[in-house]
């Protein structure tokens, strides 16, 4: 690729409105002890503390007339549970992209063809991790763990055609669909996520922040009402949702110790081929709140970890053998004018611009009511929710 400048595509969840952020002012990839300038490739000393200071300087009250995109990678979350030792020196933790320009973006391109998976996760492999995790449940080390795996595929066609393939049909778009093309890293990070880590609306009395954790999945049948009856009456799916809703209520309350409220306890959410359930939790924050204060309490989202978050993240580090999560299960923060929001990057992939290979993560929440074969099927169902659109 001749152009070395990054750019980002963001869906506004309104009709066919996409924005392209371009004319990059600055772009950095942050690691544990250094950062890379994504414009000239230079390497500079950095640290987790310096990154914290930078994020503390970003205030929610500020007006972001020029767009900013921040990709938080899942492994950055070990910093917030007090276990920096689990972060490798070469682990990509955060990408910050500051742009000059936002312009309407029209989808165009050809349909991709997908081959794979190239690293088939067998049921027997899945069962090994499942039962090791279940032992932790039985011992009381955790109450729920979100077991996920990375699945490798290859693309036929141009990598950037993925945007058209995923989003040409409105019914296929996730509410937090977005992508960033990073030539210096030779990567495209693309997400068709329906899930919100947080969204913020500024009011006179402060910033109203809400989160929408998603837990529970059901094959979306021809009769959506029947699918919803099956999902909402399932004890296992209800236990998943209620545990994570309570975790999110606690996480939101930790930001400044106000009392977060559960606004919706259980509602349906349709995505391609699947019906999910979600809750809605909100809290009112003071006007001078920093971005770091919010993400240090919320990230990674509880719906992609489990409960309690600190212990379960340590457990998952040992259970998930298919590679680090990275962009998948991380979050993407968008700061642009009145839009101040963050996704949870499920239904997300990292594409190599040269090889046209990509990793796509999927999984689900495990409780004592879970059965290995059913959870394995749910993992496959979530693969289809992304891959079938591309194919």
Protein backbone atom coordinates (compact mmCIF):
# COMPACT_ATOMS: atom_id res chain seq x y z
CA UNK A 1 0.00 0.00 0.00
CA UNK A 2 1.58 3.29 -1.10
CA UNK A 3 -0.29 5.59 1.28
CA UNK A 4 1.13 5.23 4.80
CA UNK A 5 -1.47 7.46 6.51
CA UNK A 6 -4.13 5.84 8.68
CA UNK A 7 -7.83 6.51 8.23
CA UNK A 8 -10.98 5.38 10.02
CA UNK A 9 -14.58 4.63 9.03
CA UNK A 10 -17.40 5.11 11.55
CA UNK A 11 -21.08 4.19 11.24
CA UNK A 12 -23.38 6.76 12.86
CA UNK A 13 -26.24 4.26 13.35
CA UNK A 14 -28.53 6.54 11.34
CA UNK A 15 -29.71 5.37 7.93
CA UNK A 16 -26.75 5.05 5.59
CA UNK A 17 -24.57 7.63 7.35
CA UNK A 18 -20.90 6.73 7.54
CA UNK A 19 -18.04 9.13 8.24
CA UNK A 20 -14.46 8.84 7.08
CA UNK A 21 -11.85 10.38 9.36
CA UNK A 22 -8.71 11.36 7.46
CA UNK A 23 -5.93 13.95 7.27
CA UNK A 24 -4.21 12.49 10.29
CA UNK A 25 -2.50 14.99 12.64
CA UNK A 26 -0.84 12.44 14.88
CA UNK A 27 -0.97 8.68 15.29
CA UNK A 28 0.74 6.48 17.88
CA UNK A 29 0.71 2.82 18.85
CA UNK A 30 1.45 2.31 22.55
CA UNK A 31 3.20 -0.66 24.12
CA UNK A 32 4.30 -1.33 27.70
CA UNK A 33 7.63 0.51 27.49
CA UNK A 34 7.56 2.37 24.17
CA UNK A 35 5.36 3.84 21.48
CA UNK A 36 5.57 3.83 17.68
CA UNK A 37 4.85 6.92 15.58
CA UNK A 38 2.50 5.53 12.94
CA UNK A 39 3.38 8.30 10.48
CA UNK A 40 7.17 7.98 10.33
CA UNK A 41 7.75 4.65 12.08
CA UNK A 42 10.01 6.08 14.79
CA UNK A 43 10.20 4.38 18.19
CA UNK A 44 10.05 6.48 21.34
CA UNK A 45 10.31 5.63 25.06
CA UNK A 46 7.00 5.47 26.91
CA UNK A 47 5.42 3.73 29.92
CA UNK A 48 2.06 2.77 31.35
CA UNK A 49 2.29 5.77 33.67
CA UNK A 50 2.91 8.19 30.79
CA UNK A 51 -0.05 6.67 28.95
CA UNK A 52 -2.20 7.17 32.03
CA UNK A 53 -1.20 10.85 32.24
CA UNK A 54 -2.08 11.33 28.57
CA UNK A 55 -5.54 9.81 29.02
CA UNK A 56 -6.14 11.84 32.17
CA UNK A 57 -5.69 14.99 30.07
CA UNK A 58 -8.64 14.02 27.87
CA UNK A 59 -11.71 15.50 29.55
CA UNK A 60 -15.24 14.51 28.59
CA UNK A 61 -16.40 18.15 28.87
CA UNK A 62 -14.02 19.22 26.07
CA UNK A 63 -15.29 19.89 22.56
CA UNK A 64 -13.64 17.59 20.03
CA UNK A 65 -14.07 19.52 16.81
CA UNK A 66 -11.40 17.34 15.20
CA UNK A 67 -12.11 13.61 15.46
CA UNK A 68 -10.13 11.34 17.77
CA UNK A 69 -10.20 7.54 17.66
CA UNK A 70 -8.69 5.48 20.47
CA UNK A 71 -8.46 1.70 20.12
CA UNK A 72 -8.01 -0.03 23.47
CA UNK A 73 -6.68 -3.57 23.13
CA UNK A 74 -7.91 -6.20 25.56
CA UNK A 75 -4.50 -6.78 27.16
CA UNK A 76 -4.36 -3.15 28.32
CA UNK A 77 -6.99 -4.26 30.84
CA UNK A 78 -4.36 -6.11 32.91
CA UNK A 79 -3.14 -2.65 33.89
CA UNK A 80 -6.51 -1.92 35.52
CA UNK A 81 -6.64 -5.12 37.57
CA UNK A 82 -3.19 -4.45 39.05
CA UNK A 83 -1.40 -7.22 37.17
CA UNK A 84 1.03 -5.50 34.79
CA UNK A 85 3.21 -8.63 34.82
CA UNK A 86 0.71 -10.27 32.43
CA UNK A 87 1.47 -7.61 29.78
CA UNK A 88 4.30 -8.62 27.44
CA UNK A 89 6.76 -5.98 26.25
CA UNK A 90 5.65 -6.39 22.62
CA UNK A 91 1.91 -6.34 23.45
CA UNK A 92 0.00 -3.68 21.50
CA UNK A 93 -2.11 -1.89 24.11
CA UNK A 94 -3.58 1.26 22.56
CA UNK A 95 -3.72 3.15 19.26
CA UNK A 96 -4.46 6.88 19.29
CA UNK A 97 -5.48 8.54 16.01
CA UNK A 98 -6.03 12.30 15.83
CA UNK A 99 -7.58 13.51 12.57
CA UNK A 100 -8.17 16.86 10.87
CA UNK A 101 -11.09 15.93 8.67
CA UNK A 102 -14.47 14.16 8.83
CA UNK A 103 -16.36 13.63 5.59
CA UNK A 104 -19.30 11.50 4.41
CA UNK A 105 -18.26 8.03 3.29
CA UNK A 106 -19.98 6.01 0.58
CA UNK A 107 -19.63 2.25 0.68
CA UNK A 108 -18.24 0.76 -2.50
CA UNK A 109 -16.26 -2.27 -3.60
CA UNK A 110 -16.69 -5.91 -4.46
CA UNK A 111 -17.89 -8.85 -2.44
CA UNK A 112 -15.20 -10.76 -0.58
CA UNK A 113 -14.92 -14.54 -0.44
CA UNK A 114 -13.76 -16.14 2.79
CA UNK A 115 -11.85 -19.39 3.22
CA UNK A 116 -11.50 -21.17 6.52
CA UNK A 117 -11.27 -21.52 9.36
CA UNK A 118 -7.60 -22.37 8.83
CA UNK A 119 -7.11 -23.32 12.49
CA UNK A 120 -10.20 -25.34 13.32
CA UNK A 121 -10.93 -25.35 17.07
CA UNK A 122 -12.15 -28.88 17.71
CA UNK A 123 -14.83 -29.75 20.25
CA UNK A 124 -12.28 -31.82 22.19
CA UNK A 125 -9.95 -28.80 22.41
CA UNK A 126 -12.81 -26.60 23.53
CA UNK A 127 -13.92 -29.13 26.15
CA UNK A 128 -10.48 -29.18 27.75
CA UNK A 129 -10.57 -25.43 28.42
CA UNK A 130 -14.26 -25.56 29.33
CA UNK A 131 -13.80 -28.15 32.07
CA UNK A 132 -10.65 -26.54 33.43
CA UNK A 133 -12.65 -23.32 33.75
CA UNK A 134 -15.59 -25.18 35.28
CA UNK A 135 -13.28 -26.42 38.03
CA UNK A 136 -12.65 -22.77 38.91
CA UNK A 137 -16.42 -22.25 39.15
CA UNK A 138 -16.79 -25.26 41.44
CA UNK A 139 -13.96 -24.02 43.67
CA UNK A 140 -15.55 -20.57 43.93
CA UNK A 141 -12.67 -18.81 42.16
CA UNK A 142 -15.16 -17.12 39.81
CA UNK A 143 -18.89 -17.08 39.08
CA UNK A 144 -18.83 -16.75 35.31
CA UNK A 145 -16.04 -16.76 32.72
CA UNK A 146 -16.26 -15.70 29.10
CA UNK A 147 -14.36 -18.36 27.15
CA UNK A 148 -13.27 -17.22 23.68
CA UNK A 149 -11.02 -18.37 20.87
CA UNK A 150 -9.38 -16.81 17.81
CA UNK A 151 -10.34 -18.31 14.43
CA UNK A 152 -8.10 -17.77 11.39
CA UNK A 153 -9.50 -17.14 7.90
CA UNK A 154 -8.29 -15.85 4.55
CA UNK A 155 -9.87 -13.34 2.17
CA UNK A 156 -10.16 -13.35 -1.59
CA UNK A 157 -10.44 -9.81 -2.92
CA UNK A 158 -9.10 -6.53 -1.60
CA UNK A 159 -9.03 -6.24 2.21
CA UNK A 160 -10.81 -2.87 2.15
CA UNK A 161 -13.72 -4.46 0.26
CA UNK A 162 -14.64 -5.89 3.67
CA UNK A 163 -16.37 -2.60 4.51
CA UNK A 164 -18.75 -2.99 1.59
CA UNK A 165 -19.24 -6.71 2.21
CA UNK A 166 -20.12 -6.20 5.87
CA UNK A 167 -22.18 -3.05 5.72
CA UNK A 168 -23.83 -2.77 2.30
CA UNK A 169 -27.10 -4.05 3.78
CA UNK A 170 -28.45 -1.97 6.63
CA UNK A 171 -29.82 -5.00 8.48
CA UNK A 172 -26.28 -6.41 8.73
CA UNK A 173 -24.73 -3.38 10.45
CA UNK A 174 -23.85 -3.36 14.10
CA UNK A 175 -24.74 -0.18 15.99
CA UNK A 176 -21.03 0.40 16.68
CA UNK A 177 -19.64 -0.66 13.30
CA UNK A 178 -16.27 0.92 12.53
CA UNK A 179 -12.83 0.25 11.08
CA UNK A 180 -9.32 1.69 11.05
CA UNK A 181 -6.73 1.11 8.35
CA UNK A 182 -3.18 1.31 9.77
CA UNK A 183 -0.64 0.85 6.95
CA UNK A 184 2.38 1.23 9.25
CA UNK A 185 1.21 -1.85 11.19
CA UNK A 186 0.03 -3.54 7.99
CA UNK A 187 -3.38 -4.04 9.59
CA UNK A 188 -7.06 -3.31 9.28
CA UNK A 189 -9.05 -3.41 12.49
CA UNK A 190 -12.72 -3.87 11.63
CA UNK A 191 -15.70 -4.30 13.92
CA UNK A 192 -19.38 -4.92 13.36
CA UNK A 193 -20.12 -4.67 17.07
CA UNK A 194 -23.63 -4.21 18.43
CA UNK A 195 -22.36 -3.65 21.98
CA UNK A 196 -21.79 -0.42 23.92
CA UNK A 197 -19.15 -0.09 26.65
CA UNK A 198 -20.31 3.45 27.27
CA UNK A 199 -22.07 6.36 25.65
CA UNK A 200 -22.22 9.84 27.11
CA UNK A 201 -24.72 12.67 26.92
CA UNK A 202 -23.82 15.99 28.52
CA UNK A 203 -26.52 17.57 30.68
CA UNK A 204 -26.59 20.69 32.86
CA UNK A 205 -25.96 18.70 36.02
CA UNK A 206 -23.13 16.59 34.57
CA UNK A 207 -22.42 13.78 32.13
CA UNK A 208 -24.97 10.98 31.85
CA UNK A 209 -23.09 7.77 31.04
CA UNK A 210 -24.76 4.50 30.17
CA UNK A 211 -23.57 1.01 29.32
CA UNK A 212 -25.37 -1.87 27.55
CA UNK A 213 -23.94 -5.29 28.46
CA UNK A 214 -25.04 -8.14 26.19
CA UNK A 215 -25.28 -11.70 27.51
CA UNK A 216 -27.20 -14.66 26.17
CA UNK A 217 -27.66 -15.89 22.60
CA UNK A 218 -30.40 -17.69 20.70
CA UNK A 219 -30.61 -18.67 17.04
CA UNK A 220 -32.91 -16.11 15.39
CA UNK A 221 -35.71 -18.13 13.87
CA UNK A 222 -38.40 -17.08 11.39
CA UNK A 223 -40.59 -16.23 14.36
CA UNK A 224 -38.59 -13.69 16.44
CA UNK A 225 -41.19 -13.77 19.23
CA UNK A 226 -40.62 -17.49 19.66
CA UNK A 227 -36.85 -16.94 19.75
CA UNK A 228 -37.31 -14.28 22.42
CA UNK A 229 -39.51 -16.54 24.54
CA UNK A 230 -36.85 -19.25 24.43
CA UNK A 231 -34.04 -16.82 25.28
CA UNK A 232 -35.68 -14.90 28.11
CA UNK A 233 -36.99 -18.06 29.81
CA UNK A 234 -33.62 -19.86 29.78
CA UNK A 235 -32.20 -19.99 33.37
CA UNK A 236 -28.60 -20.18 32.13
CA UNK A 237 -28.89 -17.10 29.88
CA UNK A 238 -30.73 -15.17 32.59
CA UNK A 239 -28.00 -16.00 35.12
CA UNK A 240 -25.34 -14.76 32.67
CA UNK A 241 -27.09 -11.45 32.09
CA UNK A 242 -27.96 -10.71 35.71
CA UNK A 243 -24.44 -11.44 36.97
CA UNK A 244 -22.84 -9.16 34.39
CA UNK A 245 -25.47 -6.45 34.87
CA UNK A 246 -24.60 -6.40 38.56
CA UNK A 247 -20.89 -6.28 37.72
CA UNK A 248 -21.50 -3.30 35.40
CA UNK A 249 -23.58 -1.53 38.03
CA UNK A 250 -20.63 -1.88 40.42
CA UNK A 251 -18.11 -0.79 37.75
CA UNK A 252 -20.11 2.34 36.95
CA UNK A 253 -20.49 3.16 40.63
CA UNK A 254 -16.69 2.89 41.11
CA UNK A 255 -16.00 5.76 38.69
CA UNK A 256 -16.86 8.39 41.30
CA UNK A 257 -18.89 6.42 43.86
CA UNK A 258 -22.30 7.66 42.74
CA UNK A 259 -25.01 5.03 42.67
CA UNK A 260 -25.49 3.58 39.19
CA UNK A 261 -29.01 2.52 38.22
CA UNK A 262 -30.29 -0.41 36.19
CA UNK A 263 -32.68 1.21 33.68
CA UNK A 264 -33.51 -1.93 31.70
CA UNK A 265 -33.04 -5.35 33.24
CA UNK A 266 -33.61 -7.50 30.15
CA UNK A 267 -34.44 -6.53 26.56
CA UNK A 268 -34.04 -8.23 23.14
CA UNK A 269 -31.42 -7.26 20.55
CA UNK A 270 -31.36 -8.63 17.00
CA UNK A 271 -28.08 -9.12 15.12
CA UNK A 272 -27.50 -11.13 11.92
CA UNK A 273 -28.73 -14.65 12.64
CA UNK A 274 -28.81 -14.23 16.43
CA UNK A 275 -31.09 -12.82 19.10
CA UNK A 276 -29.28 -11.47 22.18
CA UNK A 277 -30.51 -9.98 25.41
CA UNK A 278 -29.08 -6.87 27.04
CA UNK A 279 -29.51 -4.61 30.03
CA UNK A 280 -29.08 -0.84 30.33
CA UNK A 281 -27.18 0.69 33.26
CA UNK A 282 -26.56 4.42 33.77
CA UNK A 283 -24.81 6.85 36.11
CA UNK A 284 -24.46 10.64 36.33
CA UNK A 285 -20.85 11.89 36.50
CA UNK A 286 -19.36 15.28 37.30
CA UNK A 287 -18.46 17.71 34.54
CA UNK A 288 -14.69 17.46 34.96
CA UNK A 289 -14.41 13.69 34.62
CA UNK A 290 -11.44 12.38 32.60
CA UNK A 291 -11.44 9.62 30.04
CA UNK A 292 -8.90 7.66 32.08
CA UNK A 293 -11.16 7.67 35.15
CA UNK A 294 -13.95 6.11 33.12
CA UNK A 295 -11.97 3.42 31.35
CA UNK A 296 -9.98 2.45 34.45
CA UNK A 297 -13.30 1.49 36.06
CA UNK A 298 -15.02 -0.08 33.03
CA UNK A 299 -12.37 -1.63 30.78
CA UNK A 300 -12.45 -4.37 29.62
CA UNK A 301 -16.22 -4.71 29.55
CA UNK A 302 -17.55 -7.23 32.05
CA UNK A 303 -19.57 -9.03 29.38
CA UNK A 304 -16.33 -10.22 27.70
CA UNK A 305 -14.52 -11.18 30.91
CA UNK A 306 -16.86 -12.59 33.54
CA UNK A 307 -17.03 -12.11 37.29
CA UNK A 308 -15.19 -11.20 39.40
CA UNK A 309 -13.25 -9.39 36.70
CA UNK A 310 -9.73 -9.44 38.18
CA UNK A 311 -9.63 -13.16 38.97
CA UNK A 312 -11.41 -14.27 35.84
CA UNK A 313 -9.03 -12.35 33.55
CA UNK A 314 -6.13 -14.19 35.16
CA UNK A 315 -7.92 -17.52 34.71
CA UNK A 316 -8.72 -16.83 31.04
CA UNK A 317 -5.07 -16.05 30.35
CA UNK A 318 -4.37 -19.75 30.98
CA UNK A 319 -7.51 -21.21 29.37
CA UNK A 320 -7.44 -19.50 25.95
CA UNK A 321 -4.80 -21.29 23.88
CA UNK A 322 -5.53 -19.85 20.42
CA UNK A 323 -3.71 -16.52 20.87
CA UNK A 324 -4.15 -13.17 22.59
CA UNK A 325 -7.44 -11.33 22.14
CA UNK A 326 -5.94 -8.00 21.06
CA UNK A 327 -8.43 -5.82 19.18
CA UNK A 328 -11.16 -8.41 19.77
CA UNK A 329 -12.79 -7.82 23.18
CA UNK A 330 -11.06 -4.46 23.39
CA UNK A 331 -12.93 -1.18 22.93
CA UNK A 332 -12.91 1.67 20.42
CA UNK A 333 -13.52 5.18 21.74
CA UNK A 334 -14.85 7.87 19.40
CA UNK A 335 -14.56 11.52 20.41
CA UNK A 336 -16.06 13.87 17.86
CA UNK A 337 -18.23 16.89 18.69
CA UNK A 338 -21.21 15.54 20.66
CA UNK A 339 -20.31 11.91 19.96
CA UNK A 340 -18.47 10.47 22.96
CA UNK A 341 -18.87 6.72 22.95
CA UNK A 342 -17.04 3.42 23.22
CA UNK A 343 -17.84 0.02 21.77
CA UNK A 344 -17.02 -3.45 23.00
CA UNK A 345 -15.31 -5.05 20.03
CA UNK A 346 -17.17 -8.30 19.57
CA UNK A 347 -17.93 -9.38 15.96
CA UNK A 348 -14.49 -7.99 15.20
CA UNK A 349 -11.46 -9.00 13.14
CA UNK A 350 -7.84 -8.04 12.57
CA UNK A 351 -6.85 -8.29 8.89
CA UNK A 352 -3.30 -8.51 7.54
CA UNK A 353 -3.03 -6.21 4.52
CA UNK A 354 -0.38 -8.33 2.79
CA UNK A 355 -1.38 -11.94 3.42
CA UNK A 356 -5.13 -11.14 3.48
CA UNK A 357 -5.43 -13.47 6.45
CA UNK A 358 -7.45 -12.44 9.46
CA UNK A 359 -8.31 -13.51 12.97
CA UNK A 360 -11.87 -13.37 14.22
CA UNK A 361 -12.71 -14.06 17.86
CA UNK A 362 -15.85 -15.61 19.29
CA UNK A 363 -17.02 -17.25 22.49
CA UNK A 364 -19.53 -16.97 25.29
CA UNK A 365 -20.19 -16.80 29.00
CA UNK A 366 -19.87 -19.99 31.04
CA UNK A 367 -21.72 -20.66 34.31
CA UNK A 368 -22.38 -23.85 36.27
CA UNK A 369 -25.54 -24.25 34.19
CA UNK A 370 -23.54 -24.35 30.94
CA UNK A 371 -22.94 -27.47 28.86
CA UNK A 372 -19.77 -27.77 26.76
CA UNK A 373 -21.41 -28.88 23.51
CA UNK A 374 -24.04 -26.13 23.67
CA UNK A 375 -21.41 -23.47 24.35
CA UNK A 376 -19.32 -24.79 21.47
CA UNK A 377 -22.37 -24.44 19.20
CA UNK A 378 -22.89 -20.87 20.43
CA UNK A 379 -19.27 -20.05 19.56
CA UNK A 380 -19.88 -21.38 16.03
CA UNK A 381 -23.13 -19.42 15.78
CA UNK A 382 -21.26 -16.19 16.52
CA UNK A 383 -18.65 -17.03 13.88
CA UNK A 384 -21.46 -17.29 11.35
CA UNK A 385 -22.89 -13.91 12.39
CA UNK A 386 -19.77 -12.26 10.94
CA UNK A 387 -18.34 -14.69 8.38
CA UNK A 388 -21.63 -15.47 6.62
CA UNK A 389 -22.06 -11.78 5.77
CA UNK A 390 -18.62 -11.66 4.16
CA UNK A 391 -19.22 -14.87 2.25
